[in-house]
Every structure is written in structure tokens, then in C-alpha cells.
Amino acid sequence: MKHKLTCHCGAVELQVKLSDPHTDAKRCDCSFCRRRAAATAAVSLDDLEIVKGADNLTQYQWNTKTAKHFFCKTCGIYTHHQRRSNPNEYGVNIGALEGVNPRELEPIGWVDGVNHSSDQSV
């Protein structure tokens, strides 16, 4: 099913293909995700299209620089990120999906980002 995802000001619009945001919703407790507190759903790289505002997206990376987090330059809303746990997937901000209220998805499960496998010594 295709969903429209927008930032708050409308400068950025994505189209994502999600099976069901109700069952795919997750939160992460890594240092970054805890602070933004956005529930996400997974989509493959091919299932996300930037419809408008690509030039209005800014990117944030840190630590291993594997994950790429995207935000609207104007309103600051997090739209999506390329995942560190699976770089072939994006996590999309469920709260930015048109017609989806994350409150109605509770309880939303958690992912253990604090103890991410990429951070463990071999």
C-alpha cells in the first residue's frame, strides 16, 4: 500500500510503500532515536520515492556514519533514515504519514539500539 509522507511545512513529500504501519511500527533506544522519539516503519530502498523537496532535505550522520538521517531544512521534521542495522532499508517516520496517528498504534515495540551489534567487539 502506498502512503504519502510529508514534513510539517510541506516542503518535503515522499511516497512510501508499506505493508502495514500498524504492525511494522518500532521505536529505538539508541542515543539519537531516544531524543527524537519517533516511531518508524521499515521500507526497502526501492519502496521510497522523494516526490518533492529533495533539495530541502538535510542529512545527519555520526559514529560509524552508516546510518543517514534525513530532515527538512525548513521545519526540522525527521522524515526517514537509511538504517545502520540494514542499509538496504529505510526507516520512515510514522508520525509524518498522512492519515496515520501513532497514538492509535500503541503499544509500539522497541528495538535495542543501545546494544547494537555493530558496536560490539568481535
Protein backbone atom coordinates (compact mmCIF):
# COMPACT_ATOMS: atom_id res chain seq x y z
CA MET A 1 0.00 0.00 0.00
CA LYS A 2 1.36 3.43 -0.93
CA HIS A 3 1.42 6.21 1.66
CA LYS A 4 2.17 9.92 1.44
CA LEU A 5 4.71 11.20 3.95
CA THR A 6 5.31 14.93 4.45
CA CYS A 7 7.27 17.19 6.72
CA HIS A 8 5.36 19.78 8.76
CA CYS A 9 5.77 22.71 6.35
CA GLY A 10 5.06 20.62 3.23
CA ALA A 11 8.37 21.38 1.51
CA VAL A 12 9.27 17.66 1.50
CA GLU A 13 6.98 14.91 0.26
CA LEU A 14 7.76 11.21 -0.01
CA GLN A 15 5.78 8.28 -1.30
CA VAL A 16 6.43 5.02 0.53
CA LYS A 17 5.13 1.52 0.02
CA LEU A 18 4.36 -0.06 3.40
CA SER A 19 2.68 -3.37 4.05
CA ASP A 20 1.09 -2.12 7.27
CA PRO A 21 2.38 0.70 9.50
CA HIS A 22 0.34 -0.77 12.35
CA THR A 23 2.38 -3.96 12.51
CA ASP A 24 5.73 -2.54 11.37
CA ALA A 25 5.97 0.30 13.93
CA LYS A 26 9.05 0.28 16.18
CA ARG A 27 10.98 2.69 18.37
CA CYS A 28 14.71 2.56 19.05
CA ASP A 29 16.50 3.43 22.28
CA CYS A 30 19.88 4.42 20.82
CA SER A 31 21.23 7.80 21.91
CA PHE A 32 19.86 9.56 18.82
CA CYS A 33 16.45 7.88 18.48
CA ARG A 34 15.68 8.32 22.18
CA ARG A 35 15.98 12.06 21.71
CA ARG A 36 13.78 12.28 18.63
CA ALA A 37 11.23 9.72 19.94
CA ALA A 38 9.76 8.97 16.51
CA ALA A 39 8.27 5.58 15.78
CA THR A 40 9.40 4.18 12.43
CA ALA A 41 8.41 1.52 9.93
CA ALA A 42 10.76 -0.29 7.55
CA VAL A 43 10.68 0.06 3.77
CA SER A 44 13.14 -1.20 1.19
CA LEU A 45 15.24 1.41 -0.62
CA ASP A 46 13.17 0.81 -3.76
CA ASP A 47 9.90 1.47 -1.89
CA LEU A 48 10.67 5.11 -1.05
CA GLU A 49 10.40 7.89 -3.60
CA ILE A 50 11.12 11.56 -2.96
CA VAL A 51 8.21 13.26 -4.74
CA LYS A 52 9.30 16.81 -3.95
CA GLY A 53 11.78 18.70 -1.84
CA ALA A 54 14.93 16.61 -2.28
CA ASP A 55 16.89 19.86 -2.22
CA ASN A 56 15.18 20.76 1.07
CA LEU A 57 16.42 17.62 2.87
CA THR A 58 19.48 17.76 5.05
CA GLN A 59 21.38 14.74 6.35
CA TYR A 60 22.88 13.91 9.73
CA GLN A 61 25.43 11.14 10.40
CA TRP A 62 27.64 10.27 13.35
CA ASN A 63 29.77 7.48 14.84
CA THR A 64 30.07 4.73 12.18
CA LYS A 65 28.44 7.02 9.56
CA THR A 66 26.46 4.04 8.25
CA ALA A 67 23.02 5.41 9.09
CA LYS A 68 21.87 8.51 7.21
CA HIS A 69 19.14 10.55 8.90
CA PHE A 70 17.14 13.00 6.78
CA PHE A 71 15.32 16.14 7.95
CA CYS A 72 13.50 19.05 6.35
CA LYS A 73 15.80 22.11 6.33
CA THR A 74 12.83 24.43 6.86
CA CYS A 75 10.74 22.88 9.65
CA GLY A 76 13.24 20.35 11.04
CA ILE A 77 10.94 17.33 10.83
CA TYR A 78 12.69 13.95 10.57
CA THR A 79 11.30 12.15 7.53
CA HIS A 80 13.38 9.00 7.14
CA HIS A 81 16.76 7.36 7.60
CA GLN A 82 18.83 4.71 5.89
CA ARG A 83 19.33 2.10 8.58
CA ARG A 84 22.58 1.01 10.14
CA SER A 85 21.11 -2.38 11.05
CA ASN A 86 20.15 -2.93 7.41
CA PRO A 87 21.49 -0.37 4.90
CA ASN A 88 19.10 -1.84 2.30
CA GLU A 89 16.17 -0.38 4.24
CA TYR A 90 14.86 2.99 5.24
CA GLY A 91 13.07 3.69 8.47
CA VAL A 92 10.25 6.16 7.85
CA ASN A 93 8.68 8.47 10.42
CA ILE A 94 5.22 7.05 11.07
CA GLY A 95 4.10 10.37 12.56
CA ALA A 96 4.69 12.02 9.16
CA LEU A 97 2.47 9.54 7.25
CA GLU A 98 -0.71 11.18 6.04
CA GLY A 99 -3.75 9.74 7.81
CA VAL A 100 -1.77 7.76 10.42
CA ASN A 101 -1.80 8.74 14.10
CA PRO A 102 0.95 6.94 16.05
CA ARG A 103 -1.18 7.13 19.18
CA GLU A 104 -3.57 4.66 17.55
CA LEU A 105 -0.69 2.22 17.02
CA GLU A 106 0.21 1.86 20.70
CA PRO A 107 1.69 -0.16 22.16
CA ILE A 108 4.65 0.29 19.82
CA GLY A 109 7.56 -2.10 20.37
CA TRP A 110 11.18 -1.15 20.98
CA VAL A 111 14.46 -2.09 19.30
CA ASP A 112 17.63 -2.34 21.41
CA GLY A 113 19.76 0.32 19.74
CA VAL A 114 21.89 0.83 22.85
CA ASN A 115 23.41 -2.62 22.37
CA HIS A 116 23.61 -2.55 18.58
CA SER A 117 25.55 -5.46 17.09
CA SER A 118 27.79 -3.05 15.12
CA ASP A 119 29.04 -1.64 18.40
CA GLN A 120 30.07 -4.99 19.85
CA SER A 121 33.69 -6.05 19.61
CA VAL A 122 34.31 -9.33 17.80
